[in-house]
Amino acid sequence: MKKLQNKVAIITGGSGGIGLATAKLFLEEGAKVMLVDLLEKHLKDAVTALQSEHAAFTSADVSKRTDVERFTQKTLEHFGKIDILFSNAGIEGVAMPIKDYPDDMYQKVMDVNVKGVWLGCAVVLPKMTDGGSVIITSSVAGVQGSPNLGAYVASKHAVQGIMRVAATEFSQRGIRVNTINPGPVNNRMMRSIEAGFAPDNPDEMQKAFEAGIPLGRYAENEEVAQLALFLASDDSKYITGVKHLIDGGMAMD
């Protein structure tokens, strides 16, 4: 049997690199998937690329409670239940030291990366099937500091705390809550971060980042999706309240 046969998953940040790769893998493993992201055009393109009758989408701002309530209700109406929440929506902000970081950008990063996760737990989890799985995208930045990415680092540390509290509060219903903590991933976000650090030479910045990774390269979206699949499936049915690094050894103990 497929690992997610007859399961229903919500994936926020669903039209981005990790979200779309995970949606593809979930569908291959038998799930029905609701993609959530900010821009309808990107969602339409994503669903077209997936070529599955079991993929649907809802445009929403994850930092607004009314939007989270709307995509939760739409998923229940469309698919009848919710078994998996992949709270994956996130933004990187800008590359600047704390002393220069714009207040408005700090707030935007916290709204999407932290409040978006908080609202997912507050709104979606009470509607989930008992025994469900919640996967939150944190980062290696959730366990380490990194200069010039203060808002992003703060946000990814914050969701570690939300994960631990939600894992405790929903344990009586058998709902598991975990984070995945990628290092650099070969996608749009890292292109933006590279350009932020070295606008005139982002390729050299990538080489510099890779030099700090013991395995010597970025992760691919599909590799992160494989970890999300493990945490969504019954293969991880006794795992909750844990961070799962997928960082090529960057934060090894």
Protein backbone atom coordinates (compact mmCIF):
# COMPACT_ATOMS: atom_id res chain seq x y z
CA MET A 1 0.00 0.00 0.00
CA LYS A 2 1.12 3.55 -0.66
CA LYS A 3 2.41 5.41 2.40
CA LEU A 4 -0.31 8.09 2.36
CA GLN A 5 -3.20 6.17 0.85
CA ASN A 6 -6.50 7.99 1.49
CA LYS A 7 -4.80 10.74 3.50
CA VAL A 8 -5.57 14.44 3.00
CA ALA A 9 -2.77 16.98 3.29
CA ILE A 10 -2.62 20.77 3.40
CA ILE A 11 0.68 22.22 2.18
CA THR A 12 1.30 25.91 2.74
CA GLY A 13 3.93 27.53 0.57
CA GLY A 14 2.60 24.95 -1.85
CA SER A 15 3.73 26.54 -5.10
CA GLY A 16 7.36 26.99 -4.00
CA GLY A 17 10.27 24.61 -4.40
CA ILE A 18 9.93 22.43 -1.28
CA GLY A 19 6.13 22.70 -1.21
CA LEU A 20 5.64 21.65 -4.82
CA ALA A 21 8.17 18.79 -4.59
CA THR A 22 6.39 17.55 -1.46
CA ALA A 23 2.97 17.80 -3.10
CA LYS A 24 4.20 15.69 -6.01
CA LEU A 25 5.58 13.04 -3.68
CA PHE A 26 2.48 13.01 -1.46
CA LEU A 27 0.26 12.53 -4.50
CA GLU A 28 2.44 9.67 -5.73
CA GLU A 29 2.02 8.07 -2.31
CA GLY A 30 -1.78 8.21 -2.46
CA ALA A 31 -2.64 11.49 -0.73
CA LYS A 32 -5.09 14.18 -1.73
CA VAL A 33 -3.45 17.59 -1.48
CA MET A 34 -4.63 21.15 -0.92
CA LEU A 35 -1.96 23.63 -1.99
CA VAL A 36 -2.00 26.99 -0.22
CA ASP A 37 0.04 30.02 -1.24
CA LEU A 38 -0.30 33.75 -1.67
CA LEU A 39 -0.61 34.11 -5.45
CA GLU A 40 -3.36 32.32 -7.35
CA LYS A 41 -1.41 32.34 -10.62
CA HIS A 42 1.48 30.43 -9.08
CA LEU A 43 -0.95 27.95 -7.54
CA LYS A 44 -2.69 27.37 -10.86
CA ASP A 45 0.68 26.73 -12.49
CA ALA A 46 1.60 24.31 -9.70
CA VAL A 47 -1.62 22.32 -9.97
CA THR A 48 -1.25 22.19 -13.75
CA ALA A 49 2.28 20.84 -13.33
CA LEU A 50 1.10 18.18 -10.88
CA GLN A 51 -1.48 16.82 -13.35
CA SER A 52 -3.60 15.15 -10.68
CA GLU A 53 -7.32 15.21 -10.00
CA HIS A 54 -6.42 14.90 -6.32
CA ALA A 55 -4.67 18.30 -6.18
CA ALA A 56 -6.59 21.48 -5.37
CA PHE A 57 -5.54 24.97 -4.32
CA THR A 58 -6.57 27.95 -2.26
CA SER A 59 -4.84 31.33 -2.35
CA ALA A 60 -4.36 32.69 1.17
CA ASP A 61 -2.18 34.79 3.43
CA VAL A 62 -1.11 32.42 6.21
CA SER A 63 -0.62 35.35 8.59
CA LYS A 64 -4.35 36.20 8.55
CA ARG A 65 -6.69 34.13 10.68
CA THR A 66 -9.64 34.56 8.33
CA ASP A 67 -7.56 33.21 5.44
CA VAL A 68 -6.40 30.22 7.48
CA GLU A 69 -9.99 29.51 8.51
CA ARG A 70 -11.02 29.73 4.87
CA PHE A 71 -8.47 27.27 3.50
CA THR A 72 -9.16 24.90 6.39
CA GLN A 73 -12.88 24.93 5.64
CA LYS A 74 -12.32 24.63 1.90
CA THR A 75 -10.15 21.54 2.46
CA LEU A 76 -12.84 19.94 4.61
CA GLU A 77 -15.51 20.72 2.02
CA HIS A 78 -13.40 19.50 -0.90
CA PHE A 79 -11.79 16.40 0.60
CA GLY A 80 -13.84 15.67 3.74
CA LYS A 81 -11.05 15.62 6.32
CA ILE A 82 -7.51 16.76 7.16
CA ASP A 83 -4.84 14.23 8.14
CA ILE A 84 -1.63 16.16 7.47
CA LEU A 85 -0.58 19.79 7.76
CA PHE A 86 2.73 20.75 6.19
CA SER A 87 3.19 24.28 7.53
CA ASN A 88 5.85 25.24 5.04
CA ALA A 89 5.17 28.85 3.98
CA GLY A 90 8.10 31.13 4.72
CA ILE A 91 10.11 34.12 3.53
CA GLU A 92 13.77 34.98 3.96
CA GLY A 93 13.58 38.74 4.46
CA VAL A 94 16.71 40.72 3.58
CA ALA A 95 20.40 40.28 4.35
CA MET A 96 21.31 43.08 6.77
CA PRO A 97 22.85 43.33 10.24
CA ILE A 98 20.48 43.80 13.16
CA LYS A 99 21.43 47.47 13.59
CA ASP A 100 20.29 48.26 10.03
CA TYR A 101 17.41 45.81 9.65
CA PRO A 102 14.16 47.53 8.56
CA ASP A 103 11.37 47.30 11.12
CA ASP A 104 8.73 46.64 8.48
CA MET A 105 10.69 43.74 6.96
CA TYR A 106 11.31 42.26 10.41
CA GLN A 107 7.57 42.33 11.06
CA LYS A 108 6.76 40.77 7.68
CA VAL A 109 9.17 37.88 8.30
CA MET A 110 7.71 37.26 11.74
CA ASP A 111 4.13 37.47 10.44
CA VAL A 112 4.65 34.86 7.75
CA ASN A 113 7.18 32.55 9.39
CA VAL A 114 5.92 32.61 12.98
CA LYS A 115 2.32 33.82 13.01
CA GLY A 116 1.61 31.63 9.96
CA VAL A 117 2.75 28.55 11.89
CA TRP A 118 0.91 29.69 15.05
CA LEU A 119 -2.37 30.14 13.18
CA GLY A 120 -1.97 26.80 11.44
CA CYS A 121 -1.69 25.12 14.82
CA ALA A 122 -4.52 27.20 16.30
CA VAL A 123 -7.00 26.76 13.43
CA VAL A 124 -6.14 23.61 11.51
CA LEU A 125 -5.11 21.22 14.30
CA PRO A 126 -8.48 21.27 16.10
CA LYS A 127 -10.10 20.19 12.81
CA MET A 128 -7.59 17.42 12.07
CA THR A 129 -8.20 13.70 12.24
CA ASP A 130 -6.96 12.06 15.44
CA GLY A 131 -3.58 10.49 14.81
CA GLY A 132 -2.66 13.11 12.22
CA SER A 133 0.73 14.64 11.52
CA VAL A 134 1.92 18.24 11.53
CA ILE A 135 5.23 19.11 9.89
CA ILE A 136 6.64 22.62 10.32
CA THR A 137 9.44 23.94 8.13
CA SER A 138 12.06 25.47 10.38
CA SER A 139 15.70 25.63 9.26
CA VAL A 140 19.25 24.99 10.33
CA ALA A 141 18.84 28.68 11.20
CA GLY A 142 16.47 27.45 13.91
CA VAL A 143 19.38 25.89 15.80
CA GLN A 144 22.25 28.23 14.85
CA GLY A 145 22.91 31.93 14.42
CA SER A 146 23.87 33.49 11.11
CA PRO A 147 25.03 37.08 10.63
CA ASN A 148 22.81 39.40 8.58
CA LEU A 149 19.79 37.08 8.72
CA GLY A 150 18.56 38.08 12.16
CA ALA A 151 14.82 38.17 11.48
CA TYR A 152 14.89 34.86 9.63
CA VAL A 153 16.97 33.21 12.36
CA ALA A 154 14.68 34.57 15.08
CA SER A 155 11.60 33.31 13.26
CA LYS A 156 13.00 29.82 12.77
CA HIS A 157 13.98 29.58 16.43
CA ALA A 158 10.47 30.68 17.40
CA VAL A 159 8.73 27.89 15.49
CA GLN A 160 10.77 25.33 17.44
CA GLY A 161 8.95 26.51 20.54
CA ILE A 162 5.55 26.43 18.87
CA MET A 163 6.25 22.88 17.71
CA ARG A 164 7.09 21.67 21.21
CA VAL A 165 4.00 23.24 22.76
CA ALA A 166 1.66 21.94 20.04
CA ALA A 167 3.18 18.46 20.31
CA THR A 168 2.32 18.48 24.01
CA GLU A 169 -1.14 20.02 23.72
CA PHE A 170 -2.37 17.70 20.95
CA SER A 171 -0.69 14.50 22.12
CA GLN A 172 -3.88 13.19 23.73
CA ARG A 173 -5.39 12.98 20.24
CA GLY A 174 -2.36 11.19 18.87
CA ILE A 175 -1.43 14.16 16.66
CA ARG A 176 2.31 14.32 16.06
CA VAL A 177 4.06 17.67 15.59
CA ASN A 178 7.64 17.93 14.33
CA THR A 179 9.91 20.33 12.49
CA ILE A 180 12.16 19.77 9.53
CA ASN A 181 15.28 21.91 9.59
CA PRO A 182 16.90 22.19 6.16
CA GLY A 183 20.24 23.75 5.51
CA PRO A 184 20.66 25.58 2.21
CA VAL A 185 18.34 24.17 -0.46
CA ASN A 186 18.86 24.60 -4.18
CA ASN A 187 15.86 26.83 -4.86
CA ARG A 188 14.63 30.41 -5.19
CA MET A 189 15.12 31.30 -1.54
CA MET A 190 18.83 30.52 -1.63
CA ARG A 191 19.25 32.46 -4.86
CA SER A 192 17.75 35.44 -3.02
CA ILE A 193 20.00 34.96 0.03
CA GLU A 194 23.11 34.58 -2.15
CA ALA A 195 22.26 37.79 -3.99
CA GLY A 196 21.60 39.55 -0.69
CA PHE A 197 25.05 38.69 0.61
CA ALA A 198 26.92 39.29 -2.65
CA PRO A 199 24.84 41.22 -5.22
CA ASP A 200 27.73 41.41 -7.68
CA ASN A 201 28.81 37.78 -7.39
CA PRO A 202 26.11 35.43 -6.11
CA ASP A 203 27.76 32.36 -7.67
CA GLU A 204 30.83 32.86 -5.50
CA MET A 205 28.55 33.23 -2.49
CA GLN A 206 27.04 29.84 -3.26
CA LYS A 207 30.51 28.33 -3.31
CA ALA A 208 31.26 29.94 0.03
CA PHE A 209 28.07 28.56 1.56
CA GLU A 210 28.80 25.10 0.15
CA ALA A 211 32.28 25.20 1.65
CA GLY A 212 30.67 25.35 5.09
CA ILE A 213 28.59 22.21 4.52
CA PRO A 214 30.39 18.93 5.36
CA LEU A 215 28.67 17.12 2.48
CA GLY A 216 29.75 19.94 0.19
CA ARG A 217 26.49 20.84 -1.55
CA TYR A 218 22.99 22.22 -1.12
CA ALA A 219 20.01 19.92 -0.58
CA GLU A 220 17.53 19.41 -3.39
CA ASN A 221 13.82 20.12 -2.89
CA GLU A 222 13.04 16.44 -3.44
CA GLU A 223 15.35 15.38 -0.60
CA VAL A 224 13.49 17.62 1.84
CA ALA A 225 10.21 16.23 0.49
CA GLN A 226 11.37 12.71 1.36
CA LEU A 227 11.80 13.76 4.99
CA ALA A 228 8.36 15.39 4.97
CA LEU A 229 6.91 12.13 3.63
CA PHE A 230 8.51 10.14 6.45
CA LEU A 231 7.03 12.48 9.06
CA ALA A 232 3.62 12.50 7.36
CA SER A 233 3.41 8.72 7.16
CA ASP A 234 2.91 6.02 9.74
CA ASP A 235 6.63 5.27 9.49
CA SER A 236 7.05 8.03 12.09
CA LYS A 237 4.01 7.21 14.22
CA TYR A 238 5.99 7.28 17.51
CA ILE A 239 7.93 10.49 16.76
CA THR A 240 6.72 13.86 18.01
CA GLY A 241 8.13 17.09 19.42
CA VAL A 242 11.44 16.67 17.57
CA LYS A 243 13.54 18.76 15.18
CA HIS A 244 14.83 16.85 12.15
CA LEU A 245 17.95 18.34 10.59
CA ILE A 246 18.53 17.86 6.88
CA ASP A 247 21.57 20.09 6.51
CA GLY A 248 24.44 18.07 5.09
CA GLY A 249 26.09 18.05 8.52
CA MET A 250 26.14 21.81 9.16
CA ALA A 251 24.84 21.56 12.71
CA MET A 252 26.20 18.18 13.70
CA ASP A 253 26.70 17.73 17.45
